[in-house]
Protein backbone atom coordinates (compact mmCIF):
# COMPACT_ATOMS: atom_id res chain seq x y z
CA MET A 1 -18.54 -35.02 17.68
CA VAL A 2 -16.94 -31.90 19.21
CA ASP A 3 -16.57 -31.78 23.00
CA LEU A 4 -15.36 -28.94 25.20
CA HIS A 5 -12.47 -31.09 26.44
CA SER A 6 -10.55 -33.85 24.71
CA ALA A 7 -7.43 -35.66 25.94
CA GLY A 8 -5.18 -38.67 25.45
CA HIS A 9 -4.61 -38.17 21.73
CA ARG A 10 -1.50 -39.75 20.21
CA ARG A 11 -1.29 -37.83 16.94
CA GLY A 12 -2.56 -34.35 17.72
CA VAL A 13 -5.33 -32.09 19.02
CA VAL A 14 -7.02 -28.82 18.05
CA CYS A 15 -9.40 -26.40 19.69
CA ALA A 16 -11.43 -23.48 18.32
CA PRO A 17 -14.50 -21.35 19.13
CA HIS A 18 -16.61 -22.92 16.34
CA TYR A 19 -17.25 -26.64 15.80
CA SER A 20 -16.70 -26.42 12.03
CA ALA A 21 -13.17 -25.14 12.56
CA VAL A 22 -12.52 -27.93 15.09
CA GLU A 23 -13.76 -30.50 12.58
CA ALA A 24 -11.59 -29.00 9.83
CA GLY A 25 -8.46 -29.12 11.98
CA SER A 26 -9.03 -32.62 13.30
CA SER A 27 -9.71 -33.93 9.77
CA ILE A 28 -6.34 -32.60 8.64
CA LEU A 29 -4.61 -34.29 11.57
CA ALA A 30 -6.42 -37.54 10.72
CA ALA A 31 -5.19 -37.26 7.13
CA GLY A 32 -1.59 -37.10 8.35
CA GLY A 33 -1.22 -33.34 8.50
CA ASN A 34 0.80 -31.56 11.15
CA ALA A 35 -0.34 -28.88 13.59
CA LEU A 36 0.55 -26.03 11.23
CA GLU A 37 -1.46 -27.55 8.40
CA ALA A 38 -4.38 -28.17 10.75
CA MET A 39 -4.24 -24.55 11.91
CA LEU A 40 -4.25 -23.22 8.37
CA ALA A 41 -7.37 -25.23 7.59
CA MET A 42 -8.96 -23.91 10.79
CA ALA A 43 -7.98 -20.31 10.05
CA ALA A 44 -9.71 -20.41 6.67
CA THR A 45 -12.77 -22.24 8.00
CA ILE A 46 -13.33 -19.95 10.98
CA ALA A 47 -13.43 -16.99 8.58
CA ALA A 48 -16.24 -18.68 6.67
CA VAL A 49 -18.38 -19.56 9.72
CA TYR A 50 -17.57 -16.85 12.31
CA PRO A 51 -17.45 -13.68 10.19
CA HIS A 52 -18.46 -11.35 13.01
CA MET A 53 -15.12 -12.22 14.65
CA ASN A 54 -12.63 -12.62 11.80
CA HIS A 55 -12.23 -12.82 8.04
CA LEU A 56 -9.71 -12.80 5.20
CA GLY A 57 -9.72 -9.01 5.43
CA GLY A 58 -8.20 -9.07 8.93
CA ASP A 59 -4.84 -9.65 10.60
CA GLY A 60 -3.29 -12.57 12.45
CA PHE A 61 -0.45 -13.51 14.80
CA TRP A 62 1.16 -16.93 15.29
CA LEU A 63 3.39 -18.46 17.93
CA ILE A 64 4.93 -21.72 16.77
CA ARG A 65 6.93 -24.13 18.91
CA GLU A 66 8.91 -26.30 16.52
CA PRO A 67 10.01 -29.90 17.16
CA SER A 68 13.55 -28.56 17.66
CA GLY A 69 12.28 -26.58 20.63
CA ARG A 70 12.60 -23.20 18.94
CA VAL A 71 9.69 -20.79 19.36
CA ARG A 72 9.01 -18.27 16.59
CA ALA A 73 6.35 -15.70 15.83
CA ILE A 74 4.63 -14.88 12.57
CA MET A 75 3.55 -11.24 12.59
CA ALA A 76 0.80 -10.78 10.00
CA ALA A 77 -0.38 -7.24 10.63
CA GLY A 78 -1.09 -4.98 7.69
CA PRO A 79 0.08 -1.34 7.52
CA ALA A 80 -1.95 1.73 6.72
CA GLY A 81 -2.43 2.28 3.00
CA ARG A 82 -0.32 4.77 1.05
CA ASN A 83 -3.30 7.15 0.78
CA ALA A 84 -4.09 7.04 4.51
CA GLU A 85 -2.95 10.60 5.12
CA ARG A 86 -4.39 12.60 8.00
CA GLU A 87 -5.66 15.08 5.42
CA LEU A 88 -8.09 12.41 4.20
CA TYR A 89 -9.76 12.60 7.63
CA ARG A 90 -9.73 16.38 7.97
CA ASP A 91 -13.50 16.46 8.47
CA TYR A 92 -13.34 13.98 11.36
CA ASP A 93 -12.27 14.23 14.99
CA ALA A 94 -11.38 10.53 14.91
CA ILE A 95 -11.11 7.85 12.25
CA PRO A 96 -14.60 6.51 11.48
CA PRO A 97 -14.93 2.97 12.84
CA ARG A 98 -17.17 1.77 10.00
CA GLY A 99 -17.25 2.13 6.25
CA PRO A 100 -14.58 2.63 3.56
CA LEU A 101 -12.48 5.12 5.54
CA ALA A 102 -12.22 2.54 8.35
CA ALA A 103 -10.85 -0.01 5.87
CA LEU A 104 -7.49 1.72 5.78
CA THR A 105 -4.99 -1.08 6.45
CA VAL A 106 -3.78 -3.95 4.29
CA PRO A 107 -5.29 -7.32 5.31
CA GLY A 108 -2.38 -9.27 6.80
CA ALA A 109 -3.90 -12.62 7.77
CA VAL A 110 -3.41 -14.40 4.45
CA GLY A 111 0.24 -13.29 4.44
CA GLY A 112 0.58 -15.10 7.76
CA TRP A 113 -1.02 -18.19 6.24
CA MET A 114 1.66 -18.10 3.54
CA LEU A 115 4.51 -18.17 6.06
CA ALA A 116 2.78 -20.84 8.13
CA LEU A 117 2.39 -23.01 5.03
CA GLU A 118 6.08 -22.53 4.21
CA ALA A 119 6.98 -23.56 7.76
CA ALA A 120 4.70 -26.60 7.52
CA ARG A 121 6.37 -27.67 4.26
CA ALA A 122 9.85 -27.13 5.75
CA GLN A 123 8.91 -29.44 8.62
CA GLY A 124 7.64 -32.28 6.46
CA GLY A 125 4.06 -31.22 5.75
CA ARG A 126 2.85 -32.60 2.46
CA LEU A 127 -0.92 -32.01 2.28
CA PRO A 128 -1.92 -29.93 -0.76
CA LEU A 129 -3.33 -26.44 -0.31
CA ASP A 130 -6.64 -27.35 -1.92
CA MET A 131 -7.13 -30.02 0.76
CA LEU A 132 -6.37 -27.51 3.53
CA LEU A 133 -8.85 -24.98 2.14
CA ALA A 134 -11.56 -27.48 1.20
CA PRO A 135 -13.52 -27.28 4.51
CA ALA A 136 -13.64 -23.48 4.31
CA ILE A 137 -14.73 -23.55 0.67
CA ALA A 138 -17.55 -25.97 1.50
CA CYS A 139 -18.78 -23.87 4.43
CA ALA A 140 -18.74 -20.66 2.39
CA ARG A 141 -20.35 -22.25 -0.68
CA ASP A 142 -22.97 -24.47 0.95
CA GLY A 143 -23.72 -22.22 3.91
CA TYR A 144 -23.16 -22.09 7.66
CA ALA A 145 -25.61 -21.77 10.54
CA VAL A 146 -25.66 -18.38 12.25
CA THR A 147 -24.52 -18.67 15.86
CA ARG A 148 -26.01 -17.01 18.90
CA SER A 149 -23.16 -14.50 19.10
CA GLN A 150 -23.40 -13.55 15.42
CA ALA A 151 -27.15 -13.00 15.69
CA ARG A 152 -26.79 -10.92 18.84
CA LEU A 153 -23.94 -8.77 17.59
CA THR A 154 -25.64 -8.18 14.23
CA GLN A 155 -28.69 -6.88 16.09
CA GLU A 156 -26.65 -4.72 18.46
CA HIS A 157 -24.65 -3.07 15.68
CA LEU A 158 -27.18 -3.02 12.86
CA ASP A 159 -27.59 0.76 12.94
CA ASP A 160 -23.94 1.42 12.13
CA LEU A 161 -23.49 -1.53 9.74
CA ASN A 162 -26.71 -1.66 7.74
CA ASP A 163 -25.69 1.01 5.21
CA VAL A 164 -22.05 0.00 4.86
CA PRO A 165 -21.35 -1.25 1.31
CA TRP A 166 -22.40 -4.88 0.76
CA PHE A 167 -22.87 -5.67 4.43
CA ALA A 168 -26.64 -6.20 4.28
CA PRO A 169 -26.67 -8.50 1.20
CA THR A 170 -23.98 -10.65 2.78
CA PHE A 171 -24.87 -10.86 6.46
CA LEU A 172 -28.59 -10.11 6.68
CA SER A 173 -31.41 -12.46 5.73
CA HIS A 174 -33.92 -10.80 3.40
CA GLY A 175 -32.97 -7.48 4.95
CA ASN A 176 -33.42 -8.68 8.52
CA VAL A 177 -31.09 -9.77 11.29
CA PRO A 178 -30.68 -13.52 10.79
CA ALA A 179 -32.09 -15.70 13.55
CA VAL A 180 -29.90 -18.26 15.25
CA GLY A 181 -29.61 -21.27 12.95
CA THR A 182 -30.31 -19.34 9.74
CA VAL A 183 -28.11 -20.63 6.94
CA LEU A 184 -26.05 -17.93 5.25
CA LYS A 185 -23.77 -18.43 2.28
CA GLN A 186 -20.66 -16.50 1.22
CA GLU A 187 -20.50 -17.67 -2.37
CA GLN A 188 -18.05 -15.02 -3.55
CA LEU A 189 -15.73 -15.90 -0.69
CA ALA A 190 -15.98 -19.57 -1.71
CA GLU A 191 -14.87 -18.66 -5.23
CA THR A 192 -11.96 -16.63 -3.86
CA LEU A 193 -10.80 -19.48 -1.63
CA ALA A 194 -11.13 -21.96 -4.49
CA HIS A 195 -9.06 -19.68 -6.70
CA LEU A 196 -6.36 -19.39 -4.01
CA ALA A 197 -6.39 -23.16 -3.58
CA HIS A 198 -5.55 -23.50 -7.28
CA THR A 199 -3.13 -20.60 -7.80
CA GLY A 200 -1.54 -20.25 -4.34
CA LEU A 201 -2.01 -17.85 -1.45
CA ASP A 202 0.31 -15.22 -2.96
CA ASP A 203 -2.43 -14.48 -5.49
CA PHE A 204 -4.32 -12.72 -2.67
CA TYR A 205 -1.79 -9.88 -2.86
CA ARG A 206 -0.05 -10.05 -6.22
CA GLY A 207 -2.40 -11.94 -8.53
CA ASP A 208 -5.96 -11.88 -9.80
CA VAL A 209 -7.49 -11.79 -6.31
CA GLY A 210 -5.25 -8.88 -5.33
CA ARG A 211 -6.28 -7.00 -8.46
CA GLU A 212 -9.98 -7.52 -7.72
CA ILE A 213 -9.52 -6.49 -4.07
CA ALA A 214 -7.78 -3.30 -5.18
CA VAL A 215 -10.50 -2.46 -7.71
CA ASP A 216 -13.21 -2.75 -5.07
CA LEU A 217 -11.23 -0.81 -2.47
CA LYS A 218 -10.67 2.06 -4.89
CA ARG A 219 -14.32 2.11 -5.89
CA LEU A 220 -15.39 2.20 -2.24
CA GLY A 221 -12.98 5.01 -1.37
CA SER A 222 -10.54 3.08 0.82
CA PRO A 223 -6.98 4.46 1.13
CA VAL A 224 -5.48 0.99 0.44
CA THR A 225 -4.10 0.61 -3.10
CA ARG A 226 -2.99 -2.20 -5.41
CA GLU A 227 0.61 -1.21 -4.71
CA ASP A 228 0.02 -1.58 -0.96
CA LEU A 229 -1.21 -5.12 -1.52
CA ALA A 230 1.61 -6.02 -3.88
CA ARG A 231 4.29 -4.81 -1.45
CA TYR A 232 2.90 -6.58 1.62
CA SER A 233 4.45 -9.58 3.31
CA ALA A 234 4.12 -10.98 6.81
CA THR A 235 7.31 -11.39 8.84
CA LEU A 236 9.00 -13.97 11.04
CA ALA A 237 10.07 -12.58 14.41
CA GLU A 238 11.45 -13.52 17.78
CA PRO A 239 8.74 -13.46 20.43
CA LEU A 240 8.94 -11.78 23.81
CA GLN A 241 9.70 -14.25 26.58
CA LEU A 242 9.60 -14.39 30.36
CA THR A 243 11.14 -16.94 32.71
CA LEU A 244 8.95 -17.88 35.67
CA ARG A 245 9.42 -20.53 38.33
CA SER A 246 7.10 -22.79 36.32
CA GLY A 247 8.81 -22.35 32.95
CA THR A 248 9.25 -19.96 30.03
CA ILE A 249 6.29 -17.98 28.73
CA TYR A 250 6.14 -16.50 25.22
CA ASN A 251 4.03 -13.80 23.61
CA THR A 252 4.17 -11.47 20.62
CA ASP A 253 6.14 -8.22 20.51
CA ALA A 254 4.98 -4.80 19.27
CA PRO A 255 2.64 -3.74 17.81
CA THR A 256 0.67 -6.18 19.99
CA GLN A 257 -0.08 -5.99 23.71
CA GLY A 258 1.82 -9.23 24.38
CA ILE A 259 4.00 -7.34 26.86
CA VAL A 260 0.92 -6.86 29.08
CA SER A 261 0.22 -10.59 29.33
CA LEU A 262 3.82 -11.28 30.37
CA MET A 263 3.98 -8.38 32.83
CA ILE A 264 0.86 -9.59 34.64
CA LEU A 265 2.38 -13.01 35.30
CA ALA A 266 5.75 -11.53 36.30
CA LEU A 267 4.08 -9.23 38.83
CA PHE A 268 1.75 -11.89 40.20
CA GLU A 269 4.59 -14.33 40.84
CA ARG A 270 6.27 -11.86 43.22
CA PHE A 271 3.39 -12.14 45.68
CA ASP A 272 3.59 -15.90 46.32
CA VAL A 273 -0.17 -16.46 46.35
CA GLY A 274 -0.96 -19.83 47.90
CA GLU A 275 -4.38 -20.77 46.55
CA ALA A 276 -6.73 -20.18 43.64
CA GLU A 277 -10.04 -18.35 43.61
CA GLY A 278 -9.48 -16.38 46.81
CA PHE A 279 -9.14 -12.63 47.31
CA ASP A 280 -5.36 -12.64 46.81
CA HIS A 281 -5.64 -14.50 43.51
CA VAL A 282 -8.27 -12.24 41.95
CA HIS A 283 -7.26 -8.92 43.53
CA LEU A 284 -3.55 -9.20 42.75
CA LEU A 285 -4.15 -10.24 39.15
CA ILE A 286 -6.47 -7.26 38.70
CA GLU A 287 -3.88 -4.90 40.17
CA ALA A 288 -1.18 -6.41 37.95
CA ILE A 289 -3.49 -5.90 34.98
CA LYS A 290 -3.72 -2.18 35.79
CA ARG A 291 0.07 -1.85 35.84
CA GLY A 292 0.42 -3.73 32.55
CA LEU A 293 -2.23 -1.72 30.73
CA ARG A 294 -0.63 1.54 31.85
CA VAL A 295 2.66 0.45 30.32
CA ARG A 296 0.88 -0.61 27.14
CA ASP A 297 -0.83 2.71 26.65
CA ARG A 298 2.37 4.72 27.01
CA ALA A 299 4.75 2.43 25.13
CA VAL A 300 3.28 0.00 22.57
CA THR A 301 3.22 1.15 18.97
CA ASP A 302 4.61 0.25 15.54
CA PRO A 303 7.95 -1.50 16.26
CA ASN A 304 9.72 1.00 13.99
CA HIS A 305 8.55 3.81 16.27
CA LEU A 306 9.28 2.31 19.70
CA SER A 307 11.30 4.55 21.99
CA HIS A 308 13.03 1.44 23.37
CA PRO A 309 12.62 -2.36 23.24
CA LEU A 310 9.64 -3.67 25.20
CA GLU A 311 11.85 -6.21 26.99
CA ARG A 312 12.83 -3.47 29.44
CA TYR A 313 9.38 -3.82 31.04
CA LEU A 314 10.21 -7.42 31.93
CA ASP A 315 13.48 -6.51 33.63
CA ALA A 316 13.52 -7.75 37.23
CA ARG A 317 14.20 -4.28 38.64
CA PHE A 318 11.33 -2.73 36.71
CA ILE A 319 8.94 -5.52 37.75
CA ALA A 320 10.04 -5.12 41.39
CA GLY A 321 9.31 -1.39 41.21
CA GLU A 322 5.89 -1.97 39.70
CA ALA A 323 5.08 -4.61 42.33
CA MET A 324 5.86 -2.10 45.09
CA LYS A 325 3.12 0.14 43.69
CA ILE A 326 0.51 -2.60 44.24
CA ASP A 327 -1.36 -2.58 47.55
CA ARG A 328 -2.08 -6.14 48.61
CA ARG A 329 -5.29 -5.08 50.36
CA ARG A 330 -6.61 -2.06 48.43
CA ALA A 331 -7.63 -1.43 44.82
CA GLY A 332 -5.53 1.10 42.95
CA PRO A 333 -6.99 3.87 40.77
CA TRP A 334 -8.29 3.02 37.33
CA GLN A 335 -9.04 5.72 34.77
CA LEU A 336 -7.77 4.40 31.46
CA GLN A 337 -9.87 4.52 28.31
CA PRO A 338 -9.49 0.99 26.98
CA GLY A 339 -10.37 -0.32 23.58
CA LYS A 340 -12.56 -3.02 22.13
CA SER A 341 -11.93 -5.97 19.91
CA ASP A 342 -13.55 -9.05 18.44
CA THR A 343 -11.26 -11.89 17.66
CA ILE A 344 -10.79 -15.65 17.57
CA TRP A 345 -8.01 -17.68 19.18
CA MET A 346 -7.26 -21.28 18.19
CA GLY A 347 -4.69 -23.86 19.22
CA ALA A 348 -3.16 -26.98 17.71
CA ALA A 349 -0.52 -29.51 18.78
CA ASP A 350 0.93 -32.67 17.29
CA SER A 351 2.93 -35.54 18.71
CA ASP A 352 6.06 -34.50 16.78
CA GLY A 353 6.40 -31.54 19.13
CA ARG A 354 4.73 -28.73 17.19
CA VAL A 355 2.44 -26.50 19.23
CA VAL A 356 0.66 -23.56 17.62
CA SER A 357 -1.06 -20.57 19.21
CA TYR A 358 -2.93 -18.45 16.67
CA ILE A 359 -5.17 -15.40 16.81
CA GLN A 360 -7.06 -13.81 13.91
CA SER A 361 -9.23 -10.71 13.99
CA LEU A 362 -11.17 -7.93 12.29
CA TYR A 363 -10.80 -5.59 15.33
CA TRP A 364 -14.46 -4.65 16.01
CA GLU A 365 -17.37 -7.00 15.33
CA PHE A 366 -17.61 -7.32 11.51
CA GLY A 367 -14.66 -4.91 11.21
CA SER A 368 -15.33 -1.99 8.88
CA GLY A 369 -18.46 -3.77 7.66
CA CYS A 370 -17.28 -3.38 4.06
CA VAL A 371 -17.63 -6.56 2.00
CA LEU A 372 -15.74 -6.44 -1.29
CA PRO A 373 -18.25 -7.73 -3.87
CA ARG A 374 -15.75 -9.25 -6.33
CA THR A 375 -14.01 -11.41 -3.72
CA GLY A 376 -16.36 -11.60 -0.73
CA VAL A 377 -13.58 -10.35 1.56
CA LEU A 378 -14.80 -8.56 4.69
CA MET A 379 -12.37 -5.74 5.52
CA GLN A 380 -11.13 -5.04 9.03
CA ASN A 381 -11.25 -1.66 10.78
CA ARG A 382 -7.96 -2.11 12.67
CA GLY A 383 -6.83 1.30 11.44
CA ALA A 384 -9.49 2.93 13.61
CA SER A 385 -7.03 2.46 16.48
CA PHE A 386 -4.79 5.16 14.96
CA SER A 387 -4.97 8.68 16.35
CA LEU A 388 -5.36 11.86 14.32
CA GLU A 389 -3.86 14.03 17.08
CA ALA A 390 -0.38 15.38 16.46
CA GLY A 391 2.16 13.82 18.79
CA ALA A 392 0.04 10.77 19.60
CA LEU A 393 1.82 7.48 20.26
CA ASN A 394 -0.10 5.70 17.49
CA LEU A 395 -0.37 8.51 14.98
CA LEU A 396 -1.89 7.74 11.59
CA ALA A 397 0.65 7.70 8.76
CA PRO A 398 0.91 5.74 5.49
CA GLY A 399 2.79 2.48 5.94
CA ARG A 400 2.53 2.52 9.72
CA LEU A 401 1.36 -0.53 11.65
CA PRO A 402 -1.64 -0.02 13.97
CA PHE A 403 -1.65 -1.04 17.62
CA HIS A 404 -3.04 -4.55 18.20
CA THR A 405 -4.83 -5.99 21.20
CA LEU A 406 -4.18 -9.41 19.66
CA ASN A 407 -1.65 -11.57 21.49
CA PRO A 408 -1.36 -15.38 21.36
CA ALA A 409 0.41 -17.08 24.28
CA LEU A 410 2.60 -20.16 24.59
CA ALA A 411 4.38 -21.73 27.56
CA VAL A 412 7.20 -24.26 27.75
CA LEU A 413 6.91 -25.60 31.29
CA ASN A 414 9.61 -27.10 33.46
CA ASP A 415 7.56 -30.28 33.94
CA GLY A 416 7.83 -31.01 30.20
CA ARG A 417 4.41 -29.78 29.12
CA ILE A 418 4.02 -27.32 26.24
CA MET A 419 0.88 -25.24 26.35
CA ALA A 420 -0.65 -22.89 23.79
CA TYR A 421 -3.44 -20.72 25.09
CA GLY A 422 -5.34 -17.53 24.35
CA CYS A 423 -8.60 -15.63 24.28
CA MET A 424 -10.47 -13.05 22.26
CA GLY A 425 -11.80 -9.85 23.80
CA GLY A 426 -9.71 -6.66 23.54
CA ASP A 427 -8.43 -5.60 26.95
CA GLY A 428 -9.78 -8.87 28.31
CA GLN A 429 -7.24 -10.98 26.40
CA PRO A 430 -4.29 -10.62 28.83
CA GLN A 431 -6.67 -10.82 31.79
CA THR A 432 -8.17 -14.14 30.76
CA GLN A 433 -4.74 -15.46 29.80
CA SER A 434 -3.50 -14.72 33.33
CA ALA A 435 -6.53 -16.34 34.95
CA LEU A 436 -6.21 -19.46 32.80
CA PHE A 437 -2.45 -19.77 33.28
CA THR A 438 -2.43 -19.30 37.04
CA ARG A 439 -5.37 -21.64 37.56
CA HIS A 440 -4.01 -24.46 35.42
CA VAL A 441 -0.25 -24.14 35.83
CA GLN A 442 0.28 -22.58 39.24
CA PHE A 443 -2.74 -23.96 41.08
CA ARG A 444 -3.05 -27.21 39.08
CA GLU A 445 -6.72 -26.98 38.23
CA PRO A 446 -7.68 -29.36 35.38
CA LEU A 447 -7.51 -27.63 32.00
CA ALA A 448 -11.25 -27.69 31.30
CA ASP A 449 -12.02 -26.44 34.82
CA ALA A 450 -9.52 -23.59 34.51
CA ILE A 451 -11.34 -22.40 31.37
CA ASP A 452 -14.82 -22.98 32.81
CA ARG A 453 -14.25 -21.12 36.12
CA PRO A 454 -15.94 -17.72 36.54
CA ARG A 455 -13.98 -14.82 35.07
CA TRP A 456 -13.70 -11.07 35.31
CA VAL A 457 -12.74 -8.26 32.96
CA LEU A 458 -11.54 -4.75 33.75
CA GLY A 459 -12.09 -2.34 30.90
CA ARG A 460 -14.15 -2.39 27.76
CA THR A 461 -14.72 -5.32 25.46
CA TRP A 462 -17.42 -6.59 23.10
CA GLY A 463 -18.64 -3.04 22.56
CA ALA A 464 -19.47 -2.27 26.20
CA ALA A 465 -18.45 1.24 27.25
CA ARG A 466 -18.21 0.55 31.00
CA THR A 467 -14.78 0.42 32.62
CA THR A 468 -15.84 -1.08 35.94
CA LEU A 469 -14.67 -4.49 37.11
CA ARG A 470 -17.24 -6.86 35.63
CA LEU A 471 -17.56 -10.36 37.03
CA GLU A 472 -19.67 -13.40 36.23
CA SER A 473 -22.28 -14.26 38.82
CA ARG A 474 -20.68 -17.57 39.85
CA PHE A 475 -18.11 -15.96 42.13
CA SER A 476 -18.86 -16.47 45.82
CA ASP A 477 -20.74 -13.74 47.65
CA ARG A 478 -17.91 -13.54 50.18
CA LEU A 479 -15.29 -12.89 47.49
CA LEU A 480 -17.46 -10.21 45.90
CA GLU A 481 -17.94 -8.53 49.27
CA THR A 482 -14.20 -8.58 49.98
CA LEU A 483 -13.37 -7.12 46.58
CA ALA A 484 -15.90 -4.33 47.09
CA GLU A 485 -14.53 -3.61 50.57
CA ALA A 486 -11.06 -3.30 49.02
CA GLY A 487 -12.31 -0.51 46.77
CA HIS A 488 -13.04 -2.32 43.51
CA GLU A 489 -16.03 -0.87 41.66
CA LEU A 490 -17.95 -4.03 40.82
CA ASP A 491 -20.52 -4.81 38.17
CA VAL A 492 -21.77 -8.37 38.71
CA LEU A 493 -23.34 -9.67 35.51
CA ALA A 494 -26.55 -11.64 35.58
CA GLU A 495 -25.17 -14.39 33.35
CA PRO A 496 -23.19 -17.22 34.93
CA TYR A 497 -21.35 -17.57 31.59
CA SER A 498 -21.02 -14.27 29.73
CA ASP A 499 -19.67 -13.50 26.26
CA VAL A 500 -18.23 -10.34 27.80
CA MET A 501 -15.47 -12.53 29.22
CA GLY A 502 -14.35 -13.64 25.78
CA HIS A 503 -13.77 -17.12 24.41
CA ALA A 504 -10.71 -18.90 25.84
CA GLY A 505 -8.99 -22.12 24.87
CA ALA A 506 -5.81 -24.13 25.28
CA VAL A 507 -3.95 -27.14 23.95
CA VAL A 508 -1.28 -29.05 25.87
CA LEU A 509 1.40 -31.42 24.60
CA HIS A 510 2.33 -33.69 27.50
CA PRO A 511 5.80 -35.16 28.10
CA ASN A 512 4.52 -38.66 27.21
CA GLY A 513 3.56 -37.41 23.74
CA THR A 514 -0.20 -37.29 24.29
CA CYS A 515 -2.19 -34.18 23.43
CA GLU A 516 -5.01 -32.46 25.32
CA GLY A 517 -7.29 -29.60 24.32
CA ALA A 518 -10.15 -27.62 25.80
CA HIS A 519 -12.31 -24.69 24.77
CA ASP A 520 -14.79 -22.31 26.32
CA PRO A 521 -18.43 -23.12 27.13
CA ARG A 522 -19.06 -19.43 26.33
CA ALA A 523 -18.29 -20.08 22.65
CA ASP A 524 -19.62 -22.38 19.91
CA GLY A 525 -16.73 -24.78 19.53
CA GLY A 526 -14.63 -27.22 21.49
CA ALA A 527 -11.67 -29.55 21.07
CA ALA A 528 -10.96 -32.75 19.18
CA GLY A 529 -7.97 -34.91 18.38
CA VAL A 530 -6.74 -38.09 16.77
């Protein structure tokens, strides 16, 4: 049984936006696996049951707190293919978001799985790969039930996905949008996962699976080649970090927007807000969000093309200067053109001291829409975030990493707790992270309540083009009135719990060794532990 909140576990805990992934992770913990092994099982399973959000053809980012106390990042983003020259897109004003020309970057997620498995083995993990992949293989082979969000997003984006190669045979039911509860199978994906379970994950890039992926990509007209796959590897990296009064907060460096999530909390702390859910709490977080997103859009790119390290934006003097630009009573201007993203975040912790924050994505819902028929891999469209304009910050070039909205978060708190947390939802990711962190850590709301509370998002996410401040309807009328009076352009949604706000979750390792997890009522999952 998967609940939204689960606590008091002595061995470990997991949380995820789909119950099958939760069950996969908790079964690995019950079999003696560690948090990294549980997360790998969850990462594979969520691809098989939540394909509108993520797949093997996407990217992923990990934050791992080791029993030694060290925090490391796995950066599993794939670069643009060797044939992804701007000349290839000469007939376009922008990179097409769907179809073969959108599938222009190497899938990085499985490379991240490889490093995570190595780390698990180095820390005493002994469960075989076929056991870790078994839940995903079963879900892909025997079928999974279509969720409400998959049915809705398939309907909303059918016009631009229906004619993309192999999308309809894989994700429609007899040519129609599948109803909620319809059982869909990904039999080719099941075979691919079973093959990887036998030969090893490296085969995805440099073995039989890699060869089949390359054949299909070439036939479809993608710029990604066999050589691109063979040369790819994910990397270990040092995360960005920020020291607050409550502890040390970690997030991922470029090419992700992790700097935004840290900047928001650094700015908010300078205002000494005394209580949750009031005008100061919501208004000042929103204004901090604006400052962070402005920095992102002028600075974050492929780490090899940064003009300077992103740590400079966490310097106390810079944060003080940005805080001075925030009016405590009035809304500042907002004219950015934000992006969109569909993603999953999952967390895991074990009693040995490992805590894992992981995010995996295709970029837009169903990514490029291209399903590779030989392997069942659904390719991302992350490369659509590149620009074709000369001089652009994120200019398309072969081998270049695209900008990522993805950013998993992790906190080592002064009271001894270790917390992994995150959310899907493009520009909404750092916003929900800040709401969850301040509510739970600063204002001491129970973990499940902090996730459940009404949320807001400034900018575009889940395909919505509006850039107003959207809020769930459960906020008090008085707060909404005060925000409007301060100059915020509000759009109050009819739903008390809206998918627009993304799917958030968190796991906490407590000082006494017990583990707690919670996930979002807006999603289809929960938390479980042993």
